[in-house]
Amino acid sequence: SGTGLGKTLVTSSICYQLKNLEKNVSGFKPVISGTNDLEEEDNDTICILKSLGQEITKENIEKISPWRLKAPL
């Protein structure tokens, strides 16, 4: 399960499809590294939030990815 294999793409696609079917769905990426909460960059957490149609806020980011590391580990 390395980087760039498509895990987030698959997760986001499933979330998007279920949301379109009006299902109650949420995504979860408990640990993310190499990110800065102050920037609206296209990281995995932001991708999942967009697929759910959720606003990009610090609170929503914390729900999807509670453990965020600045260093790309």
PDB file of N, CA and C in Angstrom:
ATOM      1  N   SER A   1       0.846  -1.189   0.000  1.00  0.00           N
ATOM      2  CA  SER A   1       0.000   0.000   0.000  1.00  0.00           C
ATOM      3  C   SER A   1       0.881   1.238   0.000  1.00  0.00           C
ATOM      4  N   GLY A   2       1.616   1.430  -1.072  1.00  0.00           N
ATOM      5  CA  GLY A   2       2.511   2.574  -1.182  1.00  0.00           C
ATOM      6  C   GLY A   2       1.815   3.814  -1.703  1.00  0.00           C
ATOM      7  N   THR A   3       2.609   4.837  -1.958  1.00  0.00           N
ATOM      8  CA  THR A   3       2.109   6.107  -2.458  1.00  0.00           C
ATOM      9  C   THR A   3       1.807   6.010  -3.948  1.00  0.00           C
ATOM     10  N   GLY A   4       0.734   6.659  -4.367  1.00  0.00           N
ATOM     11  CA  GLY A   4       0.420   6.749  -5.785  1.00  0.00           C
ATOM     12  C   GLY A   4      -0.237   5.524  -6.392  1.00  0.00           C
ATOM     13  N   LEU A   5      -0.763   4.633  -5.571  1.00  0.00           N
ATOM     14  CA  LEU A   5      -1.397   3.420  -6.084  1.00  0.00           C
ATOM     15  C   LEU A   5      -2.876   3.603  -6.389  1.00  0.00           C
ATOM     16  N   GLY A   6      -3.464   4.692  -5.924  1.00  0.00           N
ATOM     17  CA  GLY A   6      -4.858   4.972  -6.233  1.00  0.00           C
ATOM     18  C   GLY A   6      -5.840   4.727  -5.101  1.00  0.00           C
ATOM     19  N   LYS A   7      -5.340   4.532  -3.882  1.00  0.00           N
ATOM     20  CA  LYS A   7      -6.236   4.274  -2.749  1.00  0.00           C
ATOM     21  C   LYS A   7      -7.204   5.427  -2.539  1.00  0.00           C
ATOM     22  N   THR A   8      -6.713   6.655  -2.574  1.00  0.00           N
ATOM     23  CA  THR A   8      -7.564   7.819  -2.364  1.00  0.00           C
ATOM     24  C   THR A   8      -8.514   8.014  -3.543  1.00  0.00           C
ATOM     25  N   LEU A   9      -8.061   7.739  -4.742  1.00  0.00           N
ATOM     26  CA  LEU A   9      -8.925   7.841  -5.915  1.00  0.00           C
ATOM     27  C   LEU A   9     -10.106   6.881  -5.801  1.00  0.00           C
ATOM     28  N   VAL A  10      -9.833   5.650  -5.391  1.00  0.00           N
ATOM     29  CA  VAL A  10     -10.899   4.658  -5.222  1.00  0.00           C
ATOM     30  C   VAL A  10     -11.837   5.079  -4.094  1.00  0.00           C
ATOM     31  N   THR A  11     -11.278   5.502  -2.972  1.00  0.00           N
ATOM     32  CA  THR A  11     -12.087   5.947  -1.836  1.00  0.00           C
ATOM     33  C   THR A  11     -12.985   7.115  -2.231  1.00  0.00           C
ATOM     34  N   SER A  12     -12.403   8.100  -2.895  1.00  0.00           N
ATOM     35  CA  SER A  12     -13.164   9.274  -3.312  1.00  0.00           C
ATOM     36  C   SER A  12     -14.251   8.909  -4.320  1.00  0.00           C
ATOM     37  N   SER A  13     -13.947   8.020  -5.223  1.00  0.00           N
ATOM     38  CA  SER A  13     -14.933   7.590  -6.221  1.00  0.00           C
ATOM     39  C   SER A  13     -16.112   6.886  -5.561  1.00  0.00           C
ATOM     40  N   ILE A  14     -15.818   6.003  -4.613  1.00  0.00           N
ATOM     41  CA  ILE A  14     -16.882   5.297  -3.898  1.00  0.00           C
ATOM     42  C   ILE A  14     -17.733   6.287  -3.095  1.00  0.00           C
ATOM     43  N   CYS A  15     -17.077   7.216  -2.393  1.00  0.00           N
ATOM     44  CA  CYS A  15     -17.814   8.226  -1.621  1.00  0.00           C
ATOM     45  C   CYS A  15     -18.720   9.041  -2.532  1.00  0.00           C
ATOM     46  N   TYR A  16     -18.194   9.467  -3.664  1.00  0.00           N
ATOM     47  CA  TYR A  16     -18.955  10.282  -4.612  1.00  0.00           C
ATOM     48  C   TYR A  16     -20.174   9.524  -5.133  1.00  0.00           C
ATOM     49  N   GLN A  17     -19.971   8.283  -5.532  1.00  0.00           N
ATOM     50  CA  GLN A  17     -21.072   7.481  -6.069  1.00  0.00           C
ATOM     51  C   GLN A  17     -22.150   7.229  -5.015  1.00  0.00           C
ATOM     52  N   LEU A  18     -21.746   6.884  -3.806  1.00  0.00           N
ATOM     53  CA  LEU A  18     -22.715   6.641  -2.739  1.00  0.00           C
ATOM     54  C   LEU A  18     -23.475   7.916  -2.381  1.00  0.00           C
ATOM     55  N   LYS A  19     -22.771   9.032  -2.356  1.00  0.00           N
ATOM     56  CA  LYS A  19     -23.416  10.318  -2.067  1.00  0.00           C
ATOM     57  C   LYS A  19     -24.464  10.628  -3.135  1.00  0.00           C
ATOM     58  N   ASN A  20     -24.130  10.347  -4.401  1.00  0.00           N
ATOM     59  CA  ASN A  20     -25.088  10.565  -5.500  1.00  0.00           C
ATOM     60  C   ASN A  20     -26.306   9.657  -5.385  1.00  0.00           C
ATOM     61  N   LEU A  21     -26.152   8.513  -4.741  1.00  0.00           N
ATOM     62  CA  LEU A  21     -27.271   7.603  -4.496  1.00  0.00           C
ATOM     63  C   LEU A  21     -28.014   7.961  -3.208  1.00  0.00           C
ATOM     64  N   GLU A  22     -27.645   9.119  -2.641  1.00  0.00           N
ATOM     65  CA  GLU A  22     -28.247   9.653  -1.415  1.00  0.00           C
ATOM     66  C   GLU A  22     -28.053   8.740  -0.213  1.00  0.00           C
ATOM     67  N   LYS A  23     -26.906   8.072  -0.178  1.00  0.00           N
ATOM     68  CA  LYS A  23     -26.533   7.241   0.968  1.00  0.00           C
ATOM     69  C   LYS A  23     -25.776   8.099   1.970  1.00  0.00           C
ATOM     70  N   ASN A  24     -25.866   7.733   3.231  1.00  0.00           N
ATOM     71  CA  ASN A  24     -25.119   8.405   4.280  1.00  0.00           C
ATOM     72  C   ASN A  24     -23.707   7.824   4.291  1.00  0.00           C
ATOM     73  N   VAL A  25     -22.734   8.616   3.885  1.00  0.00           N
ATOM     74  CA  VAL A  25     -21.369   8.111   3.742  1.00  0.00           C
ATOM     75  C   VAL A  25     -20.371   9.150   4.245  1.00  0.00           C
ATOM     76  N   SER A  26     -19.249   8.662   4.727  1.00  0.00           N
ATOM     77  CA  SER A  26     -18.141   9.525   5.120  1.00  0.00           C
ATOM     78  C   SER A  26     -16.848   8.816   4.776  1.00  0.00           C
ATOM     79  N   GLY A  27     -15.802   9.581   4.619  1.00  0.00           N
ATOM     80  CA  GLY A  27     -14.477   9.012   4.352  1.00  0.00           C
ATOM     81  C   GLY A  27     -13.586   9.220   5.557  1.00  0.00           C
ATOM     82  N   PHE A  28     -12.511   8.456   5.606  1.00  0.00           N
ATOM     83  CA  PHE A  28     -11.596   8.551   6.740  1.00  0.00           C
ATOM     84  C   PHE A  28     -10.192   8.213   6.280  1.00  0.00           C
ATOM     85  N   LYS A  29      -9.283   9.140   6.470  1.00  0.00           N
ATOM     86  CA  LYS A  29      -7.860   8.909   6.240  1.00  0.00           C
ATOM     87  C   LYS A  29      -7.185   9.333   7.539  1.00  0.00           C
ATOM     88  N   PRO A  30      -7.025   8.390   8.457  1.00  0.00           N
ATOM     89  CA  PRO A  30      -6.616   8.754   9.816  1.00  0.00           C
ATOM     90  C   PRO A  30      -5.266   9.460   9.917  1.00  0.00           C
ATOM     91  N   VAL A  31      -4.321   9.110   9.049  1.00  0.00           N
ATOM     92  CA  VAL A  31      -2.994   9.724   9.100  1.00  0.00           C
ATOM     93  C   VAL A  31      -2.640  10.239   7.715  1.00  0.00           C
ATOM     94  N   ILE A  32      -2.218  11.490   7.640  1.00  0.00           N
ATOM     95  CA  ILE A  32      -1.731  12.059   6.388  1.00  0.00           C
ATOM     96  C   ILE A  32      -0.449  12.829   6.706  1.00  0.00           C
ATOM     97  N   SER A  33       0.524  12.736   5.828  1.00  0.00           N
ATOM     98  CA  SER A  33       1.783  13.450   6.052  1.00  0.00           C
ATOM     99  C   SER A  33       2.107  14.297   4.823  1.00  0.00           C
ATOM    100  N   GLY A  34       3.027  15.241   5.027  1.00  0.00           N
ATOM    101  CA  GLY A  34       3.450  16.113   3.946  1.00  0.00           C
ATOM    102  C   GLY A  34       2.387  17.134   3.569  1.00  0.00           C
ATOM    103  N   THR A  35       1.657  17.620   4.562  1.00  0.00           N
ATOM    104  CA  THR A  35       0.587  18.566   4.281  1.00  0.00           C
ATOM    105  C   THR A  35       0.625  19.729   5.255  1.00  0.00           C
ATOM    106  N   ASN A  36       0.036  20.837   4.833  1.00  0.00           N
ATOM    107  CA  ASN A  36      -0.063  22.027   5.669  1.00  0.00           C
ATOM    108  C   ASN A  36      -1.527  22.436   5.707  1.00  0.00           C
ATOM    109  N   ASP A  37      -2.143  22.398   6.860  1.00  0.00           N
ATOM    110  CA  ASP A  37      -3.572  22.708   7.002  1.00  0.00           C
ATOM    111  C   ASP A  37      -3.933  24.098   6.504  1.00  0.00           C
ATOM    112  N   LEU A  38      -2.982  25.014   6.495  1.00  0.00           N
ATOM    113  CA  LEU A  38      -3.293  26.387   6.131  1.00  0.00           C
ATOM    114  C   LEU A  38      -3.405  26.573   4.620  1.00  0.00           C
ATOM    115  N   GLU A  39      -2.951  25.603   3.848  1.00  0.00           N
ATOM    116  CA  GLU A  39      -3.006  25.690   2.396  1.00  0.00           C
ATOM    117  C   GLU A  39      -4.127  24.815   1.870  1.00  0.00           C
ATOM    118  N   GLU A  40      -4.875  25.327   0.909  1.00  0.00           N
ATOM    119  CA  GLU A  40      -5.898  24.506   0.256  1.00  0.00           C
ATOM    120  C   GLU A  40      -5.259  23.818  -0.943  1.00  0.00           C
ATOM    121  N   GLU A  41      -4.486  22.826  -0.669  1.00  0.00           N
ATOM    122  CA  GLU A  41      -3.831  22.078  -1.733  1.00  0.00           C
ATOM    123  C   GLU A  41      -4.633  20.812  -2.013  1.00  0.00           C
ATOM    124  N   ASP A  42      -4.346  20.183  -3.105  1.00  0.00           N
ATOM    125  CA  ASP A  42      -5.048  18.943  -3.429  1.00  0.00           C
ATOM    126  C   ASP A  42      -4.343  17.763  -2.772  1.00  0.00           C
ATOM    127  N   ASN A  43      -4.549  17.627  -1.476  1.00  0.00           N
ATOM    128  CA  ASN A  43      -4.026  16.459  -0.788  1.00  0.00           C
ATOM    129  C   ASN A  43      -5.153  15.433  -0.645  1.00  0.00           C
ATOM    130  N   ASP A  44      -4.850  14.286  -0.097  1.00  0.00           N
ATOM    131  CA  ASP A  44      -5.827  13.203  -0.005  1.00  0.00           C
ATOM    132  C   ASP A  44      -7.066  13.598   0.792  1.00  0.00           C
ATOM    133  N   THR A  45      -6.882  14.296   1.894  1.00  0.00           N
ATOM    134  CA  THR A  45      -8.008  14.701   2.735  1.00  0.00           C
ATOM    135  C   THR A  45      -8.936  15.647   1.979  1.00  0.00           C
ATOM    136  N   ILE A  46      -8.366  16.625   1.274  1.00  0.00           N
ATOM    137  CA  ILE A  46      -9.153  17.579   0.494  1.00  0.00           C
ATOM    138  C   ILE A  46      -9.912  16.847  -0.609  1.00  0.00           C
ATOM    139  N   CYS A  47      -9.268  15.888  -1.247  1.00  0.00           N
ATOM    140  CA  CYS A  47      -9.904  15.097  -2.304  1.00  0.00           C
ATOM    141  C   CYS A  47     -11.127  14.351  -1.768  1.00  0.00           C
ATOM    142  N   ILE A  48     -10.987  13.750  -0.601  1.00  0.00           N
ATOM    143  CA  ILE A  48     -12.106  13.020   0.013  1.00  0.00           C
ATOM    144  C   ILE A  48     -13.236  13.983   0.376  1.00  0.00           C
ATOM    145  N   LEU A  49     -12.895  15.132   0.963  1.00  0.00           N
ATOM    146  CA  LEU A  49     -13.921  16.116   1.317  1.00  0.00           C
ATOM    147  C   LEU A  49     -14.677  16.589   0.074  1.00  0.00           C
ATOM    148  N   LYS A  50     -13.956  16.852  -1.005  1.00  0.00           N
ATOM    149  CA  LYS A  50     -14.608  17.292  -2.242  1.00  0.00           C
ATOM    150  C   LYS A  50     -15.544  16.215  -2.767  1.00  0.00           C
ATOM    151  N   SER A  51     -15.138  14.959  -2.691  1.00  0.00           N
ATOM    152  CA  SER A  51     -15.985  13.873  -3.194  1.00  0.00           C
ATOM    153  C   SER A  51     -17.271  13.737  -2.382  1.00  0.00           C
ATOM    154  N   LEU A  52     -17.224  14.166  -1.135  1.00  0.00           N
ATOM    155  CA  LEU A  52     -18.395  14.123  -0.259  1.00  0.00           C
ATOM    156  C   LEU A  52     -19.237  15.396  -0.373  1.00  0.00           C
ATOM    157  N   GLY A  53     -18.729  16.372  -1.118  1.00  0.00           N
ATOM    158  CA  GLY A  53     -19.438  17.640  -1.251  1.00  0.00           C
ATOM    159  C   GLY A  53     -19.386  18.473   0.009  1.00  0.00           C
ATOM    160  N   GLN A  54     -18.347  18.251   0.819  1.00  0.00           N
ATOM    161  CA  GLN A  54     -18.220  18.983   2.077  1.00  0.00           C
ATOM    162  C   GLN A  54     -17.302  20.183   1.909  1.00  0.00           C
ATOM    163  N   GLU A  55     -17.579  21.211   2.692  1.00  0.00           N
ATOM    164  CA  GLU A  55     -16.780  22.423   2.679  1.00  0.00           C
ATOM    165  C   GLU A  55     -15.380  22.123   3.220  1.00  0.00           C
ATOM    166  N   ILE A  56     -14.393  22.802   2.650  1.00  0.00           N
ATOM    167  CA  ILE A  56     -13.014  22.634   3.107  1.00  0.00           C
ATOM    168  C   ILE A  56     -12.799  23.563   4.300  1.00  0.00           C
ATOM    169  N   THR A  57     -12.964  23.017   5.503  1.00  0.00           N
ATOM    170  CA  THR A  57     -12.756  23.781   6.734  1.00  0.00           C
ATOM    171  C   THR A  57     -11.806  22.984   7.630  1.00  0.00           C
ATOM    172  N   LYS A  58     -11.201  23.681   8.562  1.00  0.00           N
ATOM    173  CA  LYS A  58     -10.300  23.016   9.496  1.00  0.00           C
ATOM    174  C   LYS A  58     -11.046  21.919  10.268  1.00  0.00           C
ATOM    175  N   GLU A  59     -12.274  22.196  10.647  1.00  0.00           N
ATOM    176  CA  GLU A  59     -13.077  21.224  11.393  1.00  0.00           C
ATOM    177  C   GLU A  59     -13.324  19.956  10.555  1.00  0.00           C
ATOM    178  N   ASN A  60     -13.687  20.118   9.289  1.00  0.00           N
ATOM    179  CA  ASN A  60     -13.924  18.955   8.428  1.00  0.00           C
ATOM    180  C   ASN A  60     -12.638  18.192   8.139  1.00  0.00           C
ATOM    181  N   ILE A  61     -11.546  18.923   7.981  1.00  0.00           N
ATOM    182  CA  ILE A  61     -10.246  18.272   7.766  1.00  0.00           C
ATOM    183  C   ILE A  61      -9.898  17.416   8.979  1.00  0.00           C
ATOM    184  N   GLU A  62     -10.136  17.937  10.185  1.00  0.00           N
ATOM    185  CA  GLU A  62      -9.835  17.192  11.412  1.00  0.00           C
ATOM    186  C   GLU A  62     -10.696  15.941  11.551  1.00  0.00           C
ATOM    187  N   LYS A  63     -11.938  15.973  11.050  1.00  0.00           N
ATOM    188  CA  LYS A  63     -12.809  14.794  11.108  1.00  0.00           C
ATOM    189  C   LYS A  63     -12.310  13.689  10.185  1.00  0.00           C
ATOM    190  N   ILE A  64     -11.848  14.063   8.992  1.00  0.00           N
ATOM    191  CA  ILE A  64     -11.393  13.078   8.012  1.00  0.00           C
ATOM    192  C   ILE A  64      -9.990  12.570   8.372  1.00  0.00           C
ATOM    193  N   SER A  65      -9.098  13.485   8.772  1.00  0.00           N
ATOM    194  CA  SER A  65      -7.706  13.125   9.066  1.00  0.00           C
ATOM    195  C   SER A  65      -7.275  13.717  10.405  1.00  0.00           C
ATOM    196  N   PRO A  66      -7.561  12.996  11.490  1.00  0.00           N
ATOM    197  CA  PRO A  66      -7.234  13.543  12.808  1.00  0.00           C
ATOM    198  C   PRO A  66      -5.734  13.673  13.088  1.00  0.00           C
ATOM    199  N   TRP A  67      -4.906  12.867  12.458  1.00  0.00           N
ATOM    200  CA  TRP A  67      -3.460  12.943  12.675  1.00  0.00           C
ATOM    201  C   TRP A  67      -2.789  13.419  11.392  1.00  0.00           C
ATOM    202  N   ARG A  68      -2.345  14.707  11.397  1.00  0.00           N
ATOM    203  CA  ARG A  68      -1.741  15.328  10.236  1.00  0.00           C
ATOM    204  C   ARG A  68      -0.315  15.734  10.567  1.00  0.00           C
ATOM    205  N   LEU A  69       0.606  15.353   9.695  1.00  0.00           N
ATOM    206  CA  LEU A  69       2.028  15.631   9.894  1.00  0.00           C
ATOM    207  C   LEU A  69       2.529  16.510   8.754  1.00  0.00           C
ATOM    208  N   LYS A  70       3.279  17.542   9.096  1.00  0.00           N
ATOM    209  CA  LYS A  70       3.822  18.437   8.058  1.00  0.00           C
ATOM    210  C   LYS A  70       4.913  17.746   7.246  1.00  0.00           C
ATOM    211  N   ALA A  71       5.742  16.958   7.927  1.00  0.00           N
ATOM    212  CA  ALA A  71       6.857  16.283   7.231  1.00  0.00           C
ATOM    213  C   ALA A  71       6.318  15.173   6.326  1.00  0.00           C
ATOM    214  N   PRO A  72       6.878  15.042   5.111  1.00  0.00           N
ATOM    215  CA  PRO A  72       6.438  13.968   4.212  1.00  0.00           C
ATOM    216  C   PRO A  72       7.045  12.627   4.618  1.00  0.00           C
ATOM    217  N   LEU A  73       6.395  11.951   5.532  1.00  0.00           N
ATOM    218  CA  LEU A  73       6.925  10.694   6.073  1.00  0.00           C
ATOM    219  C   LEU A  73       6.298   9.487   5.416  1.00  0.00           C
TER     220      LEU A  73
END
